[in-house]
Amino acid sequence: MPVHSYPPCPGCGEKLVRKPAGRCPHCGAEVAQFVSDARDRETRIEQVVAIVSTVLVVTVLILGGGLGLIEGALMYAGAGVVVWYLAKGTFWSRRSREE
């Protein structure tokens, strides 16, 4: 299920929840292309994370199949950290971290 994001307006910095006629309701700046680019970027990130996650799960299943419980759990935890690191841009925008 996709996470709904509300990118900040490039003009005033307010969250773009509504975009009537492709403009910011706060400052009136043209935001249609900006929002489209942000959504395309998020889609690419989600696709890369899905591919990397699938490869990691298959690798962990193949390599960790004969290991014990602790080693298998550590392999899954390591794969989870890699996926989290790759996907963290999807959940937090750079602008919200800078403020």
C-alpha atoms as a PDB file:
ATOM      1  CA  MET A   1       0.000   0.000   0.000  1.00  0.00           C
ATOM      2  CA  PRO A   2       1.534   3.318  -0.978  1.00  0.00           C
ATOM      3  CA  VAL A   3       2.292   5.906   1.640  1.00  0.00           C
ATOM      4  CA  HIS A   4       0.621   9.218   0.854  1.00  0.00           C
ATOM      5  CA  SER A   5       3.137  12.009   0.929  1.00  0.00           C
ATOM      6  CA  TYR A   6       2.536  15.700   0.852  1.00  0.00           C
ATOM      7  CA  PRO A   7       5.598  17.380  -0.643  1.00  0.00           C
ATOM      8  CA  PRO A   8       6.386  20.925   0.446  1.00  0.00           C
ATOM      9  CA  CYS A   9       5.556  23.765  -1.914  1.00  0.00           C
ATOM     10  CA  PRO A  10       8.686  24.995  -3.716  1.00  0.00           C
ATOM     11  CA  GLY A  11       7.430  28.567  -3.285  1.00  0.00           C
ATOM     12  CA  CYS A  12       6.358  28.852   0.337  1.00  0.00           C
ATOM     13  CA  GLY A  13       7.299  25.503   1.944  1.00  0.00           C
ATOM     14  CA  GLU A  14       3.760  24.608   3.086  1.00  0.00           C
ATOM     15  CA  LYS A  15       2.611  20.983   2.717  1.00  0.00           C
ATOM     16  CA  LEU A  16       0.720  20.441  -0.533  1.00  0.00           C
ATOM     17  CA  VAL A  17      -2.349  18.530   0.643  1.00  0.00           C
ATOM     18  CA  ARG A  18      -4.662  20.089  -1.949  1.00  0.00           C
ATOM     19  CA  LYS A  19      -3.489  21.374  -5.313  1.00  0.00           C
ATOM     20  CA  PRO A  20      -6.417  23.133  -7.004  1.00  0.00           C
ATOM     21  CA  ALA A  21      -5.655  23.675 -10.710  1.00  0.00           C
ATOM     22  CA  GLY A  22      -2.029  22.598 -10.132  1.00  0.00           C
ATOM     23  CA  ARG A  23      -1.277  25.575  -7.887  1.00  0.00           C
ATOM     24  CA  CYS A  24      -0.372  25.962  -4.234  1.00  0.00           C
ATOM     25  CA  PRO A  25      -3.437  27.078  -2.262  1.00  0.00           C
ATOM     26  CA  HIS A  26      -1.215  29.196   0.028  1.00  0.00           C
ATOM     27  CA  CYS A  27       0.989  31.176  -2.372  1.00  0.00           C
ATOM     28  CA  GLY A  28      -0.426  30.362  -5.821  1.00  0.00           C
ATOM     29  CA  ALA A  29       2.841  28.947  -7.202  1.00  0.00           C
ATOM     30  CA  GLU A  30       2.679  26.442 -10.082  1.00  0.00           C
ATOM     31  CA  VAL A  31       3.297  23.017  -8.466  1.00  0.00           C
ATOM     32  CA  ALA A  32       1.860  20.432 -10.886  1.00  0.00           C
ATOM     33  CA  GLN A  33       5.224  19.452 -12.424  1.00  0.00           C
ATOM     34  CA  PHE A  34       6.971  19.558  -9.033  1.00  0.00           C
ATOM     35  CA  VAL A  35       4.424  17.170  -7.480  1.00  0.00           C
ATOM     36  CA  SER A  36       4.565  14.880 -10.520  1.00  0.00           C
ATOM     37  CA  ASP A  37       8.369  14.711 -10.290  1.00  0.00           C
ATOM     38  CA  ALA A  38       8.198  13.978  -6.547  1.00  0.00           C
ATOM     39  CA  ARG A  39       5.713  11.140  -7.117  1.00  0.00           C
ATOM     40  CA  ASP A  40       7.819   9.689  -9.940  1.00  0.00           C
ATOM     41  CA  ARG A  41      10.881   9.743  -7.663  1.00  0.00           C
ATOM     42  CA  GLU A  42       8.979   7.947  -4.898  1.00  0.00           C
ATOM     43  CA  THR A  43       7.738   5.333  -7.369  1.00  0.00           C
ATOM     44  CA  ARG A  44      11.298   4.649  -8.536  1.00  0.00           C
ATOM     45  CA  ILE A  45      12.474   4.348  -4.925  1.00  0.00           C
ATOM     46  CA  GLU A  46       9.667   1.899  -4.103  1.00  0.00           C
ATOM     47  CA  GLN A  47      10.510  -0.215  -7.155  1.00  0.00           C
ATOM     48  CA  VAL A  48      14.220  -0.363  -6.301  1.00  0.00           C
ATOM     49  CA  VAL A  49      13.456  -1.237  -2.676  1.00  0.00           C
ATOM     50  CA  ALA A  50      11.081  -4.010  -3.799  1.00  0.00           C
ATOM     51  CA  ILE A  51      13.721  -5.538  -6.085  1.00  0.00           C
ATOM     52  CA  VAL A  52      16.499  -5.295  -3.494  1.00  0.00           C
ATOM     53  CA  SER A  53      14.207  -6.724  -0.800  1.00  0.00           C
ATOM     54  CA  THR A  54      13.284  -9.686  -2.979  1.00  0.00           C
ATOM     55  CA  VAL A  55      16.912 -10.411  -3.811  1.00  0.00           C
ATOM     56  CA  LEU A  56      17.891 -10.150  -0.128  1.00  0.00           C
ATOM     57  CA  VAL A  57      15.099 -12.463   1.023  1.00  0.00           C
ATOM     58  CA  VAL A  58      15.979 -15.088  -1.583  1.00  0.00           C
ATOM     59  CA  THR A  59      19.681 -14.792  -0.698  1.00  0.00           C
ATOM     60  CA  VAL A  60      18.985 -15.119   3.020  1.00  0.00           C
ATOM     61  CA  LEU A  61      16.753 -18.137   2.401  1.00  0.00           C
ATOM     62  CA  ILE A  62      19.413 -19.847   0.278  1.00  0.00           C
ATOM     63  CA  LEU A  63      22.409 -19.000   2.473  1.00  0.00           C
ATOM     64  CA  GLY A  64      20.666 -19.227   5.825  1.00  0.00           C
ATOM     65  CA  GLY A  65      18.697 -22.396   5.184  1.00  0.00           C
ATOM     66  CA  GLY A  66      21.131 -24.676   6.992  1.00  0.00           C
ATOM     67  CA  LEU A  67      22.020 -22.307   9.820  1.00  0.00           C
ATOM     68  CA  GLY A  68      20.687 -22.273  13.332  1.00  0.00           C
ATOM     69  CA  LEU A  69      18.026 -19.975  14.730  1.00  0.00           C
ATOM     70  CA  ILE A  70      20.392 -17.237  15.946  1.00  0.00           C
ATOM     71  CA  GLU A  71      22.413 -17.063  12.727  1.00  0.00           C
ATOM     72  CA  GLY A  72      19.246 -17.013  10.592  1.00  0.00           C
ATOM     73  CA  ALA A  73      17.733 -14.252  12.708  1.00  0.00           C
ATOM     74  CA  LEU A  74      20.944 -12.205  12.397  1.00  0.00           C
ATOM     75  CA  MET A  75      20.898 -12.617   8.608  1.00  0.00           C
ATOM     76  CA  TYR A  76      17.282 -11.418   8.424  1.00  0.00           C
ATOM     77  CA  ALA A  77      18.108  -8.494  10.720  1.00  0.00           C
ATOM     78  CA  GLY A  78      21.051  -7.530   8.504  1.00  0.00           C
ATOM     79  CA  ALA A  79      18.871  -7.689   5.387  1.00  0.00           C
ATOM     80  CA  GLY A  80      16.259  -5.554   7.165  1.00  0.00           C
ATOM     81  CA  VAL A  81      18.858  -2.902   7.979  1.00  0.00           C
ATOM     82  CA  VAL A  82      19.973  -2.760   4.337  1.00  0.00           C
ATOM     83  CA  VAL A  83      16.377  -2.369   3.117  1.00  0.00           C
ATOM     84  CA  TRP A  84      15.651   0.275   5.770  1.00  0.00           C
ATOM     85  CA  TYR A  85      18.742   2.251   4.748  1.00  0.00           C
ATOM     86  CA  LEU A  86      17.733   2.151   1.074  1.00  0.00           C
ATOM     87  CA  ALA A  87      14.095   3.034   1.797  1.00  0.00           C
ATOM     88  CA  LYS A  88      14.486   5.741   4.420  1.00  0.00           C
ATOM     89  CA  GLY A  89      14.224   8.454   1.740  1.00  0.00           C
ATOM     90  CA  THR A  90      10.708   7.218   1.036  1.00  0.00           C
ATOM     91  CA  PHE A  91       9.525   7.812   4.588  1.00  0.00           C
ATOM     92  CA  TRP A  92      11.274  11.054   5.517  1.00  0.00           C
ATOM     93  CA  SER A  93      11.909  13.901   3.138  1.00  0.00           C
ATOM     94  CA  ARG A  94      15.188  15.806   3.256  1.00  0.00           C
ATOM     95  CA  ARG A  95      13.389  19.082   3.827  1.00  0.00           C
ATOM     96  CA  SER A  96      11.650  17.809   7.011  1.00  0.00           C
ATOM     97  CA  ARG A  97      15.032  16.667   8.413  1.00  0.00           C
ATOM     98  CA  GLU A  98      16.667  20.033   7.701  1.00  0.00           C
ATOM     99  CA  GLU A  99      14.048  22.093   9.515  1.00  0.00           C
END
